[in-house]
Amino acid sequence: MNSTAVPRGASEPFRQLRALRRARKLKQEDVARKAGISREAYLRAESGQADPRMSTFLAACEALGLEVVLAPQHLAADVNAFIASRNGGVTAASMAGQPAGSAPAPAATPASGGGFGPGTGEGHKPV
């Protein structure tokens, strides 16, 4: 496996986090430290060797400057398109090598700086 390949066992959200981390030239320990989790726990989650708790996923997202947005599946493509329109065409999925709208987006979409954070409507940051 080359150094840019994403392990087969990695879940789609962690594939996106891995791609974003690498695009930002961050090390796993950088993200883990900022998220308040061990590097080993982050490595296992990112590589698909473990099924992390939601709190681990949310902490990793926050460490990478992402907000998790829950969207009905039938609106996920529209949400991703909106994020891309506000973020220079970039979504977390496109960072992972998927063109926007090429595959069904997960119901929980890591939104990168696209305007879905606090103060932009009725939603708020999950606890």
Protein backbone atom coordinates (compact mmCIF):
# COMPACT_ATOMS: atom_id res chain seq x y z
CA MET A 1 0.00 0.00 0.00
CA ASN A 2 1.41 3.40 -0.88
CA SER A 3 1.51 6.26 1.64
CA THR A 4 -1.49 8.07 0.13
CA ALA A 5 -3.83 5.08 0.01
CA VAL A 6 -6.66 4.98 2.50
CA PRO A 7 -6.98 1.64 4.28
CA ARG A 8 -9.93 -0.47 3.13
CA GLY A 9 -11.35 -0.78 6.65
CA ALA A 10 -11.54 2.95 7.29
CA SER A 11 -15.04 4.34 7.52
CA GLU A 12 -16.04 7.04 5.04
CA PRO A 13 -16.04 9.87 7.62
CA PHE A 14 -12.54 8.95 8.76
CA ARG A 15 -11.42 8.65 5.11
CA GLN A 16 -12.48 12.27 4.75
CA LEU A 17 -10.68 13.29 7.95
CA ARG A 18 -7.52 11.49 6.82
CA ALA A 19 -7.57 13.22 3.43
CA LEU A 20 -8.15 16.62 5.04
CA ARG A 21 -5.39 16.02 7.60
CA ARG A 22 -2.95 15.09 4.86
CA ALA A 23 -3.98 18.01 2.66
CA ARG A 24 -3.20 20.30 5.58
CA LYS A 25 0.13 18.50 6.09
CA LEU A 26 -0.74 17.60 9.67
CA LYS A 27 0.52 14.53 11.50
CA GLN A 28 -1.81 12.14 13.28
CA GLU A 29 -0.30 13.19 16.60
CA ASP A 30 -1.09 16.85 15.82
CA VAL A 31 -4.78 16.09 15.34
CA ALA A 32 -4.88 13.68 18.28
CA ARG A 33 -3.26 16.18 20.64
CA LYS A 34 -5.63 18.96 19.62
CA ALA A 35 -8.60 16.57 19.92
CA GLY A 36 -7.50 15.44 23.38
CA ILE A 37 -7.18 11.78 22.42
CA SER A 38 -4.18 9.47 22.16
CA ARG A 39 -2.35 9.18 18.87
CA GLU A 40 -2.94 5.43 19.01
CA ALA A 41 -6.71 5.92 19.33
CA TYR A 42 -6.70 8.34 16.41
CA LEU A 43 -4.51 6.01 14.32
CA ARG A 44 -6.85 3.05 14.95
CA ALA A 45 -9.92 5.11 14.04
CA GLU A 46 -8.37 6.62 10.92
CA SER A 47 -7.04 3.28 9.70
CA GLY A 48 -10.29 1.42 10.31
CA GLN A 49 -8.75 -0.83 12.95
CA ALA A 50 -11.29 0.37 15.53
CA ASP A 51 -14.85 1.59 15.59
CA PRO A 52 -14.41 4.82 17.55
CA ARG A 53 -16.97 6.45 19.78
CA MET A 54 -18.89 9.39 18.39
CA SER A 55 -17.07 11.63 20.86
CA THR A 56 -13.76 10.64 19.24
CA PHE A 57 -15.10 11.48 15.80
CA LEU A 58 -16.49 14.83 16.96
CA ALA A 59 -13.23 15.72 18.73
CA ALA A 60 -11.22 14.89 15.60
CA CYS A 61 -13.58 17.00 13.48
CA GLU A 62 -13.25 19.94 15.84
CA ALA A 63 -9.45 19.58 15.84
CA LEU A 64 -9.53 19.88 12.04
CA GLY A 65 -11.88 22.88 12.11
CA LEU A 66 -14.94 20.96 10.94
CA GLU A 67 -18.54 21.15 12.09
CA VAL A 68 -20.66 18.01 11.90
CA VAL A 69 -24.03 18.68 10.27
CA LEU A 70 -26.85 16.16 10.34
CA ALA A 71 -28.94 16.27 7.19
CA PRO A 72 -31.74 14.12 5.84
CA GLN A 73 -30.25 11.70 3.32
CA HIS A 74 -32.38 13.07 0.50
CA LEU A 75 -30.89 16.55 1.12
CA ALA A 76 -27.25 15.52 1.66
CA ALA A 77 -26.23 16.28 -1.94
CA ASP A 78 -27.83 19.74 -1.69
CA VAL A 79 -26.07 20.42 1.62
CA ASN A 80 -22.73 19.39 0.11
CA ALA A 81 -23.38 21.56 -2.94
CA PHE A 82 -24.14 24.54 -0.70
CA ILE A 83 -20.95 23.97 1.31
CA ALA A 84 -18.93 23.73 -1.90
CA SER A 85 -20.51 26.95 -3.22
CA ARG A 86 -19.42 28.79 -0.07
CA ASN A 87 -16.01 27.12 0.18
CA GLY A 88 -14.43 27.44 -3.25
CA GLY A 89 -15.84 24.13 -4.45
CA VAL A 90 -14.28 22.16 -1.60
CA THR A 91 -16.18 19.71 0.59
CA ALA A 92 -14.83 17.09 2.95
CA ALA A 93 -15.88 14.46 0.40
CA SER A 94 -13.93 16.18 -2.38
CA MET A 95 -10.88 16.26 -0.09
CA ALA A 96 -11.22 12.46 0.09
CA GLY A 97 -11.16 12.24 -3.70
CA GLN A 98 -14.90 12.07 -4.41
CA PRO A 99 -16.41 14.67 -6.71
CA ALA A 100 -19.40 16.44 -5.19
CA GLY A 101 -22.55 14.43 -5.76
CA SER A 102 -20.72 11.37 -7.12
CA ALA A 103 -21.83 9.11 -4.30
CA PRO A 104 -24.56 9.31 -1.74
CA ALA A 105 -23.32 11.48 1.08
CA PRO A 106 -23.53 10.21 4.64
CA ALA A 107 -26.31 11.56 6.83
CA ALA A 108 -23.67 13.07 9.12
CA THR A 109 -21.60 15.30 6.89
CA PRO A 110 -18.44 16.99 8.15
CA ALA A 111 -18.93 20.53 6.90
CA SER A 112 -15.74 22.50 6.37
CA GLY A 113 -16.18 26.19 6.89
CA GLY A 114 -19.31 26.37 4.78
CA GLY A 115 -21.57 28.45 6.96
CA PHE A 116 -23.46 25.83 8.96
CA GLY A 117 -21.87 26.69 12.30
CA PRO A 118 -23.45 28.48 15.27
CA GLY A 119 -25.29 31.66 14.46
CA THR A 120 -26.38 30.63 10.97
CA GLY A 121 -29.87 29.46 11.69
CA GLU A 122 -31.64 27.28 14.18
CA GLY A 123 -28.90 24.68 14.49
CA HIS A 124 -26.23 24.60 17.10
CA LYS A 125 -23.06 22.70 17.78
CA PRO A 126 -23.74 19.23 19.19
CA VAL A 127 -22.48 18.47 22.68
